[in-house]
């Protein structure tokens, strides 16, 4: 991941949860982290992450409203923590 991606990841991992995350930045981060956009329906984007080490699939539906609601950032953080074994 690049420097700005690392900075954005730090923002996602931070508590309390950020309340100013923009949809385009989140989409870019998810893609660079390895999430795949499976489909979108209006403003709802469905991403999937395949954890090949644990042989597990993570899926998240994110309404791409501006800003992204903290509950969805929390879910993304939880997936990252599980994938990275923290």
Protein backbone atom coordinates (compact mmCIF):
# COMPACT_ATOMS: atom_id res chain seq x y z
CA UNK A 1 0.00 0.00 0.00
CA UNK A 2 1.15 3.53 -0.74
CA UNK A 3 1.78 6.28 1.79
CA UNK A 4 -1.64 7.91 1.38
CA UNK A 5 -3.30 4.47 1.57
CA UNK A 6 -1.45 3.78 4.83
CA UNK A 7 -2.58 7.16 6.19
CA UNK A 8 -6.17 6.39 5.21
CA UNK A 9 -5.95 2.93 6.82
CA UNK A 10 -4.73 4.59 10.03
CA UNK A 11 -7.77 6.86 9.91
CA UNK A 12 -10.08 3.86 9.55
CA UNK A 13 -8.37 1.97 12.37
CA UNK A 14 -8.49 4.94 14.75
CA UNK A 15 -10.97 5.11 17.61
CA UNK A 16 -13.21 6.96 18.09
CA UNK A 17 -14.39 6.28 14.58
CA UNK A 18 -13.90 9.04 12.04
CA UNK A 19 -17.07 10.78 10.91
CA UNK A 20 -15.67 12.52 7.82
CA UNK A 21 -14.77 9.63 5.49
CA UNK A 22 -15.72 10.28 1.88
CA UNK A 23 -17.16 7.55 -0.37
CA UNK A 24 -14.57 7.89 -3.18
CA UNK A 25 -11.65 7.66 -0.74
CA UNK A 26 -13.20 4.62 0.93
CA UNK A 27 -13.78 2.90 -2.43
CA UNK A 28 -10.17 3.53 -3.41
CA UNK A 29 -8.90 2.20 -0.07
CA UNK A 30 -11.04 -0.94 -0.17
CA UNK A 31 -9.81 -1.76 -3.67
CA UNK A 32 -6.16 -1.17 -2.77
CA UNK A 33 -6.53 -3.32 0.36
CA UNK A 34 -7.82 -6.23 -1.69
CA UNK A 35 -11.59 -5.95 -1.45
CA UNK A 36 -13.43 -6.65 -4.70
CA UNK A 37 -16.58 -4.80 -5.67
CA UNK A 38 -19.04 -7.61 -6.34
CA UNK A 39 -21.99 -5.42 -7.27
CA UNK A 40 -23.73 -2.17 -6.56
CA UNK A 41 -27.37 -1.31 -6.27
CA UNK A 42 -28.04 2.42 -6.35
CA UNK A 43 -25.96 3.78 -3.46
CA UNK A 44 -25.21 0.39 -1.84
CA UNK A 45 -21.88 -1.18 -2.78
CA UNK A 46 -21.19 -4.82 -1.93
CA UNK A 47 -17.53 -5.64 -1.37
CA UNK A 48 -15.93 -9.00 -0.74
CA UNK A 49 -12.56 -9.88 0.71
CA UNK A 50 -11.17 -13.40 0.42
CA UNK A 51 -8.80 -14.30 3.23
CA UNK A 52 -6.73 -17.04 1.58
CA UNK A 53 -4.75 -17.74 4.77
CA UNK A 54 -7.84 -18.54 6.84
CA UNK A 55 -9.87 -19.66 3.81
CA UNK A 56 -12.65 -17.26 4.75
CA UNK A 57 -14.78 -14.83 2.78
CA UNK A 58 -15.76 -11.46 4.25
CA UNK A 59 -18.58 -9.46 2.72
CA UNK A 60 -19.73 -5.97 3.54
CA UNK A 61 -22.52 -3.80 2.18
CA UNK A 62 -21.66 -0.11 2.38
CA UNK A 63 -24.17 2.64 1.60
CA UNK A 64 -22.02 5.23 -0.18
CA UNK A 65 -23.50 8.31 1.41
CA UNK A 66 -21.35 11.33 2.19
CA UNK A 67 -19.98 10.98 4.78
CA UNK A 68 -19.84 7.22 5.39
CA UNK A 69 -21.61 6.38 8.63
CA UNK A 70 -19.26 5.29 11.44
CA UNK A 71 -21.02 1.93 11.85
CA UNK A 72 -19.76 0.86 8.41
CA UNK A 73 -16.24 2.04 9.17
CA UNK A 74 -16.41 -0.06 12.36
CA UNK A 75 -17.36 -3.13 10.30
CA UNK A 76 -14.48 -2.53 7.89
CA UNK A 77 -12.10 -2.11 10.85
CA UNK A 78 -13.32 -5.41 12.31
CA UNK A 79 -12.62 -7.22 9.01
CA UNK A 80 -9.13 -5.71 8.78
CA UNK A 81 -8.37 -6.69 12.39
CA UNK A 82 -9.51 -10.25 11.75
CA UNK A 83 -7.56 -10.53 8.50
CA UNK A 84 -4.40 -9.16 10.07
CA UNK A 85 -4.82 -11.35 13.15
CA UNK A 86 -5.15 -8.61 15.72
